[in-house]
N, C-alpha and C. Protein backbone atom coordinates (compact mmCIF):
# COMPACT_ATOMS: atom_id res chain seq x y z
N MET A 1 12.19 -24.67 5.34
CA MET A 1 12.15 -23.79 4.65
C MET A 1 10.70 -23.80 3.86
N PHE A 2 10.48 -24.96 3.45
CA PHE A 2 8.96 -25.35 3.04
C PHE A 2 7.73 -24.25 3.68
N LEU A 3 7.78 -24.75 5.29
CA LEU A 3 6.71 -24.05 6.16
C LEU A 3 7.19 -22.80 6.61
N SER A 4 8.28 -21.97 6.51
CA SER A 4 8.54 -20.83 6.78
C SER A 4 7.89 -19.86 6.01
N SER A 5 7.97 -20.51 4.44
CA SER A 5 7.35 -19.59 3.20
C SER A 5 6.04 -19.52 3.18
N ILE A 6 5.27 -20.29 4.09
CA ILE A 6 3.81 -20.74 4.04
C ILE A 6 3.46 -20.53 5.32
N PHE A 7 3.86 -20.23 6.60
CA PHE A 7 3.78 -19.67 7.57
C PHE A 7 4.23 -18.28 7.77
N GLY A 8 5.28 -18.47 7.50
CA GLY A 8 6.11 -17.15 7.38
C GLY A 8 5.98 -15.57 7.09
N THR A 9 7.17 -14.92 6.54
CA THR A 9 7.19 -13.31 6.42
C THR A 9 6.74 -13.48 5.08
N LYS A 10 7.13 -14.83 4.25
CA LYS A 10 7.22 -14.41 2.86
C LYS A 10 5.74 -14.58 2.54
N ARG A 11 4.66 -15.33 3.26
CA ARG A 11 3.30 -14.91 2.88
C ARG A 11 2.64 -13.81 3.15
N ARG A 12 3.14 -13.12 4.24
CA ARG A 12 2.92 -11.63 5.04
C ARG A 12 3.33 -10.72 3.60
N VAL A 13 4.28 -11.49 3.06
CA VAL A 13 4.58 -9.68 2.14
C VAL A 13 3.83 -10.25 0.97
N ARG A 14 3.64 -11.79 0.15
CA ARG A 14 3.01 -11.63 -0.46
C ARG A 14 1.31 -11.21 -0.50
N LYS A 15 0.61 -11.24 0.78
CA LYS A 15 -0.84 -10.24 1.27
C LYS A 15 -0.52 -9.25 0.89
N ILE A 16 0.51 -8.34 1.26
CA ILE A 16 0.22 -6.90 1.18
C ILE A 16 0.47 -6.69 -0.12
N ARG A 17 1.07 -7.40 -0.73
CA ARG A 17 1.90 -6.71 -2.07
C ARG A 17 0.17 -6.87 -2.99
N LYS A 18 -0.68 -7.89 -2.34
CA LYS A 18 -1.53 -8.05 -3.63
C LYS A 18 -2.46 -7.07 -2.95
N LYS A 19 -2.85 -6.77 -1.82
CA LYS A 19 -3.28 -5.56 -1.52
C LYS A 19 -2.93 -4.41 -2.15
N TRP A 20 -1.67 -3.90 -2.35
CA TRP A 20 -1.37 -2.78 -2.90
C TRP A 20 -1.88 -3.14 -4.78
N ASP A 21 -1.40 -4.38 -5.21
CA ASP A 21 -1.79 -4.11 -6.27
C ASP A 21 -3.58 -3.96 -6.15
N ARG A 22 -4.16 -4.43 -5.61
CA ARG A 22 -5.75 -3.82 -6.00
C ARG A 22 -6.01 -2.56 -5.25
N GLN A 23 -5.02 -2.08 -4.86
CA GLN A 23 -5.25 -0.21 -4.84
C GLN A 23 -5.01 0.45 -5.32
N ARG A 24 -3.78 -0.17 -6.27
CA ARG A 24 -3.05 0.56 -7.33
C ARG A 24 -4.37 0.23 -8.21
N GLU A 25 -4.80 -0.62 -8.82
CA GLU A 25 -5.57 -0.49 -9.91
C GLU A 25 -7.14 0.60 -9.58
N LYS A 26 -7.33 0.05 -8.53
CA LYS A 26 -8.28 1.13 -8.40
C LYS A 26 -8.14 3.01 -8.28
N ALA A 27 -7.10 2.87 -7.72
CA ALA A 27 -6.92 4.71 -7.89
C ALA A 27 -6.25 5.00 -9.38
N LEU A 28 -6.26 3.91 -10.23
CA LEU A 28 -5.26 4.56 -11.77
C LEU A 28 -7.20 5.17 -12.75
N LYS A 29 -8.24 4.92 -11.92
CA LYS A 29 -9.67 4.86 -12.31
C LYS A 29 -10.00 5.88 -11.57
N LEU A 30 -9.00 6.47 -10.76
CA LEU A 30 -10.10 8.05 -10.00
C LEU A 30 -9.91 8.90 -10.74
N LYS A 31 -10.51 9.90 -10.46
CA LYS A 31 -10.32 11.14 -11.14
C LYS A 31 -8.98 12.10 -11.06
N GLU A 32 -8.47 13.19 -11.72
CA GLU A 32 -7.21 13.76 -11.20
C GLU A 32 -6.93 14.16 -9.83
N PRO A 33 -7.58 15.10 -9.11
CA PRO A 33 -6.78 15.87 -8.29
C PRO A 33 -6.27 14.53 -6.84
N LEU A 34 -6.97 13.62 -6.71
CA LEU A 34 -7.37 12.58 -5.87
C LEU A 34 -6.15 11.50 -6.78
N ARG A 35 -6.49 11.23 -7.51
CA ARG A 35 -5.54 10.36 -8.37
C ARG A 35 -4.25 10.70 -8.19
N MET A 36 -3.66 11.64 -8.17
CA MET A 36 -2.23 11.65 -8.36
C MET A 36 -1.80 11.74 -6.56
N GLU A 37 -2.44 12.03 -5.34
CA GLU A 37 -2.36 12.24 -4.13
C GLU A 37 -2.31 10.38 -3.95
N VAL A 38 -3.54 10.13 -4.61
CA VAL A 38 -3.39 8.48 -4.03
C VAL A 38 -1.57 7.58 -4.37
N LEU A 39 -1.98 8.10 -5.90
CA LEU A 39 -0.82 7.25 -6.69
C LEU A 39 0.92 7.65 -6.17
N LYS A 40 1.08 9.16 -5.23
CA LYS A 40 2.14 9.20 -4.77
C LYS A 40 1.97 8.07 -3.48
N LYS A 41 1.48 7.82 -3.02
CA LYS A 41 1.45 7.14 -1.28
C LYS A 41 1.70 6.28 -2.18
N LEU A 42 0.92 5.13 -2.72
CA LEU A 42 1.15 3.88 -3.24
C LEU A 42 2.36 3.85 -3.48
N ASP A 43 3.28 4.95 -3.95
CA ASP A 43 4.20 4.37 -4.74
C ASP A 43 5.35 4.56 -3.29
N GLN A 44 5.39 5.35 -2.19
CA GLN A 44 5.85 5.33 -1.67
C GLN A 44 6.00 4.13 -0.59
N ILE A 45 4.74 3.42 -0.46
CA ILE A 45 4.34 2.40 0.41
C ILE A 45 5.18 0.86 -0.80
N GLU A 46 4.79 1.13 -1.80
CA GLU A 46 5.67 -0.14 -3.02
C GLU A 46 7.11 -0.49 -2.69
N LEU A 47 7.88 1.03 -2.07
CA LEU A 47 9.54 1.33 -2.26
C LEU A 47 9.78 0.28 -0.53
N ASN A 48 8.81 0.46 0.48
CA ASN A 48 8.89 -0.58 1.51
C ASN A 48 8.24 -2.41 1.07
N ILE A 49 7.84 -2.07 0.68
CA ILE A 49 7.36 -4.03 0.06
C ILE A 49 8.39 -4.19 -0.73
N ARG A 50 9.24 -3.83 -1.08
CA ARG A 50 9.96 -4.18 -2.30
C ARG A 50 11.37 -4.43 -1.48
N SER A 51 11.38 -3.87 -0.16
CA SER A 51 12.97 -3.45 0.48
C SER A 51 12.01 -4.78 1.09
N LEU A 52 11.11 -5.17 1.87
CA LEU A 52 10.97 -6.22 2.52
C LEU A 52 10.89 -7.81 1.46
N GLU A 53 10.57 -7.38 -0.08
CA GLU A 53 10.87 -8.68 -0.78
C GLU A 53 12.47 -8.78 -1.25
N GLU A 54 13.47 -7.88 -1.12
CA GLU A 54 14.62 -8.09 -1.75
C GLU A 54 15.94 -8.44 -0.83
N GLN A 55 15.48 -7.42 0.25
CA GLN A 55 16.38 -7.59 1.40
C GLN A 55 16.11 -8.62 2.35
N ASN A 56 17.51 -9.32 3.23
CA ASN A 56 17.10 -10.13 3.99
C ASN A 56 17.20 -9.47 5.99
N LEU A 57 16.28 -8.67 6.12
CA LEU A 57 16.12 -8.08 6.91
C LEU A 57 16.18 -8.83 8.83
N GLY A 58 16.35 -8.28 9.88
CA GLY A 58 15.58 -8.72 11.00
C GLY A 58 14.67 -8.46 11.37
N ARG A 59 13.94 -9.27 12.68
CA ARG A 59 12.87 -9.39 12.93
C ARG A 59 11.87 -8.25 13.16
N VAL A 60 12.63 -7.14 13.63
CA VAL A 60 12.23 -5.91 14.12
C VAL A 60 12.69 -5.20 13.11
N ASN A 61 13.35 -4.81 12.08
CA ASN A 61 13.22 -4.01 11.22
C ASN A 61 12.06 -4.56 10.50
N PHE A 62 12.16 -5.81 10.04
CA PHE A 62 10.91 -6.37 9.23
C PHE A 62 9.43 -6.01 9.77
N ALA A 63 9.69 -5.95 11.30
CA ALA A 63 8.01 -6.12 11.92
C ALA A 63 7.95 -4.44 11.58
N ARG A 64 8.82 -3.59 11.73
CA ARG A 64 8.77 -1.90 11.55
C ARG A 64 7.99 -1.46 10.61
N ILE A 65 8.72 -2.41 9.38
CA ILE A 65 8.44 -1.51 8.07
C ILE A 65 7.26 -2.48 8.05
N MET A 66 7.06 -3.60 8.07
CA MET A 66 5.21 -4.22 7.58
C MET A 66 3.88 -3.83 8.00
N LYS A 67 4.24 -3.05 9.37
CA LYS A 67 3.33 -2.22 9.90
C LYS A 67 3.26 -0.64 9.55
N THR A 68 4.20 0.16 9.05
CA THR A 68 4.31 1.12 8.32
C THR A 68 3.16 0.95 6.96
N ALA A 69 3.69 -0.10 6.30
CA ALA A 69 3.32 -0.54 5.20
C ALA A 69 1.92 -0.49 5.54
N GLU A 70 1.20 -1.23 6.29
CA GLU A 70 -0.02 -2.20 6.61
C GLU A 70 -0.56 -1.02 6.36
N ILE A 71 -0.49 -0.22 7.58
CA ILE A 71 -1.20 0.91 8.07
C ILE A 71 -1.18 2.11 7.07
N ASP A 72 -0.13 2.67 6.09
CA ASP A 72 -0.53 3.56 4.86
C ASP A 72 -1.17 3.19 3.98
N LEU A 73 -1.03 1.38 3.88
CA LEU A 73 -2.23 1.03 2.71
C LEU A 73 -3.78 0.85 3.20
N GLU A 74 -3.50 0.77 4.42
CA GLU A 74 -5.38 1.57 5.24
C GLU A 74 -5.64 2.90 5.39
N GLU A 75 -4.30 4.32 5.44
CA GLU A 75 -4.86 5.26 4.89
C GLU A 75 -5.70 5.48 3.23
N THR A 76 -4.66 4.59 2.37
CA THR A 76 -5.09 4.77 1.12
C THR A 76 -6.48 4.30 1.05
N LYS A 77 -6.80 3.31 1.84
CA LYS A 77 -8.27 2.98 1.30
C LYS A 77 -8.68 3.87 2.28
N ALA A 78 -8.61 4.25 3.34
CA ALA A 78 -9.71 5.55 3.46
C ALA A 78 -9.72 6.71 3.02
N ILE A 79 -8.98 7.06 1.93
CA ILE A 79 -9.02 8.27 1.43
C ILE A 79 -9.79 8.12 -0.10
N MET A 80 -9.72 6.71 -0.54
CA MET A 80 -10.13 6.73 -1.70
C MET A 80 -12.02 6.19 -1.80
N LYS A 81 -12.72 5.63 -0.09
CA LYS A 81 -13.75 5.53 0.05
C LYS A 81 -13.91 6.32 0.55
N ASN A 82 -13.32 7.61 0.59
CA ASN A 82 -14.19 9.08 1.23
C ASN A 82 -13.55 10.16 -0.12
N LYS A 83 -13.44 9.75 -1.08
CA LYS A 83 -13.43 10.31 -1.98
C LYS A 83 -14.08 11.67 -2.52
N GLU A 84 -15.51 11.52 -1.89
CA GLU A 84 -16.44 12.66 -2.09
C GLU A 84 -15.66 14.56 -1.21
N LEU A 85 -15.16 13.82 -0.25
CA LEU A 85 -14.67 15.17 0.64
C LEU A 85 -13.22 16.08 -0.37
N TYR A 86 -12.90 14.46 -1.85
CA TYR A 86 -11.26 15.37 -1.82
C TYR A 86 -12.16 16.08 -3.36
N ARG A 87 -13.38 16.32 -3.91
CA ARG A 87 -13.58 16.74 -4.82
C ARG A 87 -13.72 18.53 -4.36
N GLN A 88 -13.51 19.25 -6.11
CA GLN A 88 -13.13 20.48 -5.82
C GLN A 88 -14.56 20.98 -5.80
N PRO A 89 -14.80 22.16 -5.80
CA PRO A 89 -15.82 22.81 -5.79
C PRO A 89 -15.79 23.24 -7.35
N GLN A 90 -17.64 22.86 -8.08
CA GLN A 90 -18.02 23.56 -9.06
C GLN A 90 -18.18 24.95 -9.65
N SER A 91 -17.29 26.00 -10.44
CA SER A 91 -17.45 27.09 -10.52
C SER A 91 -19.13 27.36 -11.34
N ASN A 92 -19.41 28.46 -11.03
CA ASN A 92 -20.66 28.49 -11.76
C ASN A 92 -20.79 29.55 -12.70
């Protein structure tokens, strides 16, 4: 039991929750048009993470949901990194 929590799925879920928390904090500091887009995406990811934490899933379903959450977190990270592309043109 103890070893599975250290080396198993619970550890992976904790790590992805930590990444999600960090990205959420950074997203709250963004400007408005980009902020709403990133927060919506992070809310969808949070539902996946919550299901991983609360439900007892099989290996296949766990792996599918985990991979989806990891890919989505990388996408939001890329969006926040390239925030210059999302700036609206200023009117003169």
